[in-house]
């Protein structure tokens, strides 16, 4: 019965297992599907989509104004003339066409 002790493999294995588990969760928190990098990508895409939405809203507003100007209640004869000449490819005699 000498003074030999068994090495504490159980404690070492437990520590390695806990370290590996902590590393896995840290990696998942940074690069996983719901991690920090994915969140940054989603935020950047949201900003891009908001910008695109504003541009589309401006285009819709412009088209609504043009539609109103061609409606029965408010007929803009200049706009009607411009649209008709553009569609027909015609030019008035007093206009100068630049290529």
N, C-alpha and C. Protein backbone atom coordinates (compact mmCIF):
# COMPACT_ATOMS: atom_id res chain seq x y z
N UNK A 1 0.82 -1.16 0.00
CA UNK A 1 0.00 0.00 0.00
C UNK A 1 0.87 1.22 0.00
N UNK A 2 1.43 1.40 -1.10
CA UNK A 2 2.33 2.51 -1.22
C UNK A 2 1.56 3.83 -1.33
N UNK A 3 2.23 4.87 -1.52
CA UNK A 3 1.65 6.20 -1.59
C UNK A 3 1.23 6.58 -3.00
N UNK A 4 1.01 5.60 -3.83
CA UNK A 4 0.60 5.92 -5.21
C UNK A 4 -0.85 6.32 -5.25
N UNK A 5 -1.10 7.39 -5.97
CA UNK A 5 -2.48 7.82 -6.19
C UNK A 5 -2.80 7.66 -7.67
N UNK A 6 -4.05 7.40 -7.96
CA UNK A 6 -4.48 7.32 -9.36
C UNK A 6 -4.61 8.72 -9.91
N UNK A 7 -4.23 8.90 -11.15
CA UNK A 7 -4.43 10.21 -11.76
C UNK A 7 -5.91 10.52 -11.85
N UNK A 8 -6.24 11.77 -11.74
CA UNK A 8 -7.64 12.21 -11.75
C UNK A 8 -8.11 12.41 -13.19
N UNK A 9 -8.30 11.28 -13.90
CA UNK A 9 -8.76 11.37 -15.29
C UNK A 9 -10.20 11.87 -15.36
N UNK A 10 -11.00 11.54 -14.40
CA UNK A 10 -12.40 11.97 -14.41
C UNK A 10 -12.50 13.49 -14.35
N UNK A 11 -11.73 14.11 -13.50
CA UNK A 11 -11.73 15.57 -13.40
C UNK A 11 -11.18 16.23 -14.66
N UNK A 12 -10.13 15.61 -15.23
CA UNK A 12 -9.54 16.13 -16.46
C UNK A 12 -10.53 16.02 -17.62
N UNK A 13 -11.18 14.86 -17.74
CA UNK A 13 -12.18 14.69 -18.79
C UNK A 13 -13.35 15.65 -18.61
N UNK A 14 -13.78 15.86 -17.39
CA UNK A 14 -14.87 16.80 -17.12
C UNK A 14 -14.46 18.22 -17.53
N UNK A 15 -13.25 18.62 -17.21
CA UNK A 15 -12.77 19.96 -17.56
C UNK A 15 -12.66 20.13 -19.07
N UNK A 16 -12.14 19.14 -19.76
CA UNK A 16 -12.03 19.21 -21.22
C UNK A 16 -13.42 19.26 -21.84
N UNK A 17 -14.32 18.45 -21.34
CA UNK A 17 -15.70 18.45 -21.85
C UNK A 17 -16.37 19.81 -21.64
N UNK A 18 -16.20 20.37 -20.47
CA UNK A 18 -16.80 21.69 -20.19
C UNK A 18 -16.18 22.76 -21.08
N UNK A 19 -14.87 22.69 -21.31
CA UNK A 19 -14.19 23.65 -22.18
C UNK A 19 -14.69 23.53 -23.62
N UNK A 20 -14.81 22.30 -24.12
CA UNK A 20 -15.31 22.09 -25.48
C UNK A 20 -16.75 22.58 -25.63
N UNK A 21 -17.56 22.34 -24.63
CA UNK A 21 -18.95 22.80 -24.66
C UNK A 21 -19.01 24.33 -24.65
N UNK A 22 -18.17 24.96 -23.87
CA UNK A 22 -18.12 26.43 -23.83
C UNK A 22 -17.65 26.99 -25.16
N UNK A 23 -16.65 26.33 -25.77
CA UNK A 23 -16.17 26.78 -27.08
C UNK A 23 -17.26 26.62 -28.14
N UNK A 24 -18.01 25.53 -28.08
CA UNK A 24 -19.09 25.33 -29.05
C UNK A 24 -20.14 26.43 -28.92
N UNK A 25 -20.57 26.72 -27.73
CA UNK A 25 -21.60 27.74 -27.54
C UNK A 25 -21.09 29.13 -27.90
N UNK A 26 -19.82 29.38 -27.66
CA UNK A 26 -19.24 30.67 -28.06
C UNK A 26 -19.21 30.79 -29.58
N UNK A 27 -18.80 29.73 -30.24
CA UNK A 27 -18.79 29.73 -31.71
C UNK A 27 -20.20 29.91 -32.26
N UNK A 28 -21.17 29.21 -31.69
CA UNK A 28 -22.56 29.32 -32.15
C UNK A 28 -23.11 30.72 -31.91
N UNK A 29 -22.72 31.35 -30.81
CA UNK A 29 -23.21 32.70 -30.51
C UNK A 29 -22.64 33.73 -31.47
N UNK A 30 -21.47 33.45 -32.03
CA UNK A 30 -20.84 34.41 -32.93
C UNK A 30 -21.20 34.11 -34.39
N UNK A 31 -21.10 32.85 -34.81
CA UNK A 31 -21.26 32.54 -36.23
C UNK A 31 -22.44 31.64 -36.55
N UNK A 32 -23.27 31.31 -35.61
CA UNK A 32 -24.39 30.42 -35.87
C UNK A 32 -25.50 31.12 -36.65
N UNK A 33 -26.60 30.39 -36.87
CA UNK A 33 -27.74 30.93 -37.60
C UNK A 33 -28.33 32.15 -36.91
N UNK A 34 -28.24 32.22 -35.63
CA UNK A 34 -28.76 33.36 -34.87
C UNK A 34 -27.64 34.12 -34.18
N UNK A 35 -26.43 34.01 -34.70
CA UNK A 35 -25.25 34.63 -34.09
C UNK A 35 -25.09 36.09 -34.44
N UNK A 36 -24.01 36.66 -33.94
CA UNK A 36 -23.74 38.08 -34.12
C UNK A 36 -23.50 38.44 -35.58
N UNK A 37 -22.78 37.60 -36.32
CA UNK A 37 -22.51 37.91 -37.73
C UNK A 37 -23.79 37.86 -38.55
N UNK A 38 -24.63 36.87 -38.27
CA UNK A 38 -25.91 36.79 -38.98
C UNK A 38 -26.77 38.00 -38.65
N UNK A 39 -26.74 38.45 -37.43
CA UNK A 39 -27.52 39.63 -37.02
C UNK A 39 -27.04 40.88 -37.76
N UNK A 40 -25.72 41.00 -37.91
CA UNK A 40 -25.18 42.15 -38.64
C UNK A 40 -25.60 42.11 -40.11
N UNK A 41 -25.62 40.93 -40.72
CA UNK A 41 -26.07 40.80 -42.10
C UNK A 41 -27.54 41.16 -42.24
N UNK A 42 -28.35 40.72 -41.31
CA UNK A 42 -29.78 41.03 -41.34
C UNK A 42 -30.00 42.53 -41.17
N UNK A 43 -29.27 43.15 -40.28
CA UNK A 43 -29.40 44.61 -40.09
C UNK A 43 -28.99 45.37 -41.34
N UNK A 44 -27.91 44.95 -41.99
CA UNK A 44 -27.46 45.61 -43.22
C UNK A 44 -28.49 45.43 -44.33
N UNK A 45 -29.06 44.25 -44.43
CA UNK A 45 -30.09 44.00 -45.44
C UNK A 45 -31.34 44.83 -45.16
N UNK A 46 -31.68 44.99 -43.88
CA UNK A 46 -32.85 45.80 -43.52
C UNK A 46 -32.65 47.25 -43.93
N UNK A 47 -31.46 47.78 -43.74
CA UNK A 47 -31.16 49.16 -44.14
C UNK A 47 -31.26 49.30 -45.65
N UNK A 48 -30.73 48.32 -46.39
CA UNK A 48 -30.79 48.35 -47.85
C UNK A 48 -32.25 48.28 -48.32
N UNK A 49 -33.05 47.43 -47.71
CA UNK A 49 -34.44 47.30 -48.10
C UNK A 49 -35.25 48.56 -47.76
N UNK A 50 -34.92 49.20 -46.65
CA UNK A 50 -35.59 50.46 -46.30
C UNK A 50 -35.30 51.54 -47.34
N UNK A 51 -34.04 51.59 -47.79
CA UNK A 51 -33.66 52.56 -48.83
C UNK A 51 -34.41 52.27 -50.12
N UNK A 52 -34.47 50.99 -50.48
CA UNK A 52 -35.19 50.59 -51.69
C UNK A 52 -36.68 50.91 -51.57
N UNK A 53 -37.24 50.71 -50.38
CA UNK A 53 -38.66 51.01 -50.15
C UNK A 53 -38.93 52.50 -50.32
N UNK A 54 -38.05 53.34 -49.81
CA UNK A 54 -38.23 54.78 -49.96
C UNK A 54 -38.17 55.19 -51.43
N UNK A 55 -37.25 54.59 -52.19
CA UNK A 55 -37.17 54.90 -53.61
C UNK A 55 -38.44 54.47 -54.34
N UNK A 56 -38.98 53.31 -53.97
CA UNK A 56 -40.21 52.84 -54.59
C UNK A 56 -41.39 53.73 -54.21
N UNK A 57 -41.42 54.18 -52.97
CA UNK A 57 -42.51 55.09 -52.55
C UNK A 57 -42.45 56.39 -53.33
N UNK A 58 -41.24 56.90 -53.56
CA UNK A 58 -41.08 58.13 -54.34
C UNK A 58 -41.55 57.91 -55.77
N UNK A 59 -41.22 56.75 -56.33
CA UNK A 59 -41.65 56.44 -57.70
C UNK A 59 -43.17 56.32 -57.77
N UNK A 60 -43.78 55.69 -56.78
CA UNK A 60 -45.24 55.57 -56.75
C UNK A 60 -45.88 56.95 -56.64
N UNK A 61 -45.31 57.81 -55.80
CA UNK A 61 -45.85 59.17 -55.66
C UNK A 61 -45.75 59.92 -56.98
N UNK A 62 -44.63 59.77 -57.69
CA UNK A 62 -44.47 60.43 -58.98
C UNK A 62 -45.49 59.92 -59.98
N UNK A 63 -45.69 58.61 -60.00
CA UNK A 63 -46.66 58.03 -60.93
C UNK A 63 -48.08 58.46 -60.58
N UNK A 64 -48.39 58.60 -59.29
CA UNK A 64 -49.72 59.07 -58.88
C UNK A 64 -49.95 60.49 -59.35
N UNK A 65 -48.91 61.32 -59.26
CA UNK A 65 -49.04 62.70 -59.73
C UNK A 65 -49.27 62.73 -61.23
N UNK A 66 -48.51 61.94 -61.97
CA UNK A 66 -48.70 61.89 -63.42
C UNK A 66 -50.09 61.35 -63.78
N UNK A 67 -50.54 60.36 -63.06
CA UNK A 67 -51.87 59.81 -63.32
C UNK A 67 -52.94 60.85 -63.03
N UNK A 68 -52.77 61.57 -61.94
CA UNK A 68 -53.74 62.63 -61.60
C UNK A 68 -53.74 63.70 -62.68
N UNK A 69 -52.57 64.04 -63.19
CA UNK A 69 -52.49 65.09 -64.21
C UNK A 69 -53.14 64.65 -65.53
N UNK A 70 -53.30 63.36 -65.74
CA UNK A 70 -53.97 62.86 -66.95
C UNK A 70 -55.41 62.40 -66.68
N UNK A 71 -55.89 62.60 -65.47
CA UNK A 71 -57.24 62.13 -65.13
C UNK A 71 -58.30 63.08 -65.69
N UNK A 72 -59.57 62.65 -65.60
CA UNK A 72 -60.69 63.44 -66.11
C UNK A 72 -60.91 64.71 -65.30
N UNK A 73 -60.63 64.65 -63.98
CA UNK A 73 -60.85 65.83 -63.13
C UNK A 73 -59.82 66.93 -63.38
N UNK A 74 -58.64 66.53 -63.73
CA UNK A 74 -57.56 67.50 -63.90
C UNK A 74 -56.73 67.08 -65.10
N UNK A 75 -56.96 67.69 -66.21
CA UNK A 75 -56.26 67.31 -67.43
C UNK A 75 -55.20 68.34 -67.74
N UNK A 76 -53.95 67.92 -67.69
CA UNK A 76 -52.83 68.78 -68.02
C UNK A 76 -52.55 68.61 -69.52
N UNK A 77 -52.94 69.58 -70.29
CA UNK A 77 -52.83 69.46 -71.74
C UNK A 77 -51.38 69.37 -72.20
N UNK A 78 -50.47 70.05 -71.53
CA UNK A 78 -49.06 69.96 -71.89
C UNK A 78 -48.53 68.53 -71.71
N UNK A 79 -48.88 67.92 -70.58
CA UNK A 79 -48.44 66.55 -70.33
C UNK A 79 -49.08 65.60 -71.33
N UNK A 80 -50.36 65.79 -71.62
CA UNK A 80 -51.03 64.94 -72.60
C UNK A 80 -50.37 65.07 -73.97
N UNK A 81 -50.07 66.30 -74.37
CA UNK A 81 -49.40 66.54 -75.64
C UNK A 81 -48.03 65.86 -75.67
N UNK A 82 -47.28 66.00 -74.59
CA UNK A 82 -45.94 65.40 -74.51
C UNK A 82 -46.03 63.88 -74.61
N UNK A 83 -46.96 63.28 -73.88
CA UNK A 83 -47.10 61.83 -73.89
C UNK A 83 -47.53 61.32 -75.27
N UNK A 84 -48.48 62.02 -75.90
CA UNK A 84 -48.96 61.60 -77.22
C UNK A 84 -47.85 61.70 -78.26
N UNK A 85 -47.10 62.79 -78.24
CA UNK A 85 -46.01 62.94 -79.21
C UNK A 85 -44.91 61.91 -78.96
N UNK A 86 -44.67 61.60 -77.71
CA UNK A 86 -43.65 60.60 -77.38
C UNK A 86 -44.08 59.22 -77.88
N UNK A 87 -45.34 58.88 -77.67
CA UNK A 87 -45.84 57.57 -78.11
C UNK A 87 -45.87 57.46 -79.64
N UNK A 88 -46.25 58.55 -80.30
CA UNK A 88 -46.37 58.52 -81.75
C UNK A 88 -45.05 58.83 -82.46
N UNK A 89 -44.08 59.34 -81.73
CA UNK A 89 -42.79 59.68 -82.32
C UNK A 89 -42.88 60.91 -83.21
N UNK A 90 -43.70 61.85 -82.83
CA UNK A 90 -43.90 63.04 -83.65
C UNK A 90 -43.31 64.26 -82.95
N UNK A 91 -43.00 65.29 -83.75
CA UNK A 91 -42.40 66.53 -83.25
C UNK A 91 -43.18 67.68 -83.86
N UNK A 92 -43.36 68.73 -83.04
CA UNK A 92 -44.01 69.93 -83.59
C UNK A 92 -43.02 70.69 -84.46
N UNK A 93 -43.54 71.55 -85.31
CA UNK A 93 -42.71 72.29 -86.25
C UNK A 93 -41.77 73.27 -85.54
N UNK A 94 -42.17 73.76 -84.37
CA UNK A 94 -41.35 74.76 -83.68
C UNK A 94 -40.36 74.13 -82.69
N UNK A 95 -40.24 72.82 -82.66
CA UNK A 95 -39.33 72.14 -81.72
C UNK A 95 -38.02 71.79 -82.42
N UNK A 96 -36.99 71.76 -81.62
CA UNK A 96 -35.67 71.33 -82.09
C UNK A 96 -35.33 70.01 -81.40
N UNK A 97 -34.99 69.03 -82.17
CA UNK A 97 -34.68 67.69 -81.64
C UNK A 97 -33.18 67.55 -81.54
N UNK A 98 -32.74 67.20 -80.34
CA UNK A 98 -31.32 66.96 -80.11
C UNK A 98 -31.09 65.46 -80.01
N UNK A 99 -30.09 64.94 -80.73
CA UNK A 99 -29.84 63.49 -80.68
C UNK A 99 -29.19 63.06 -79.40
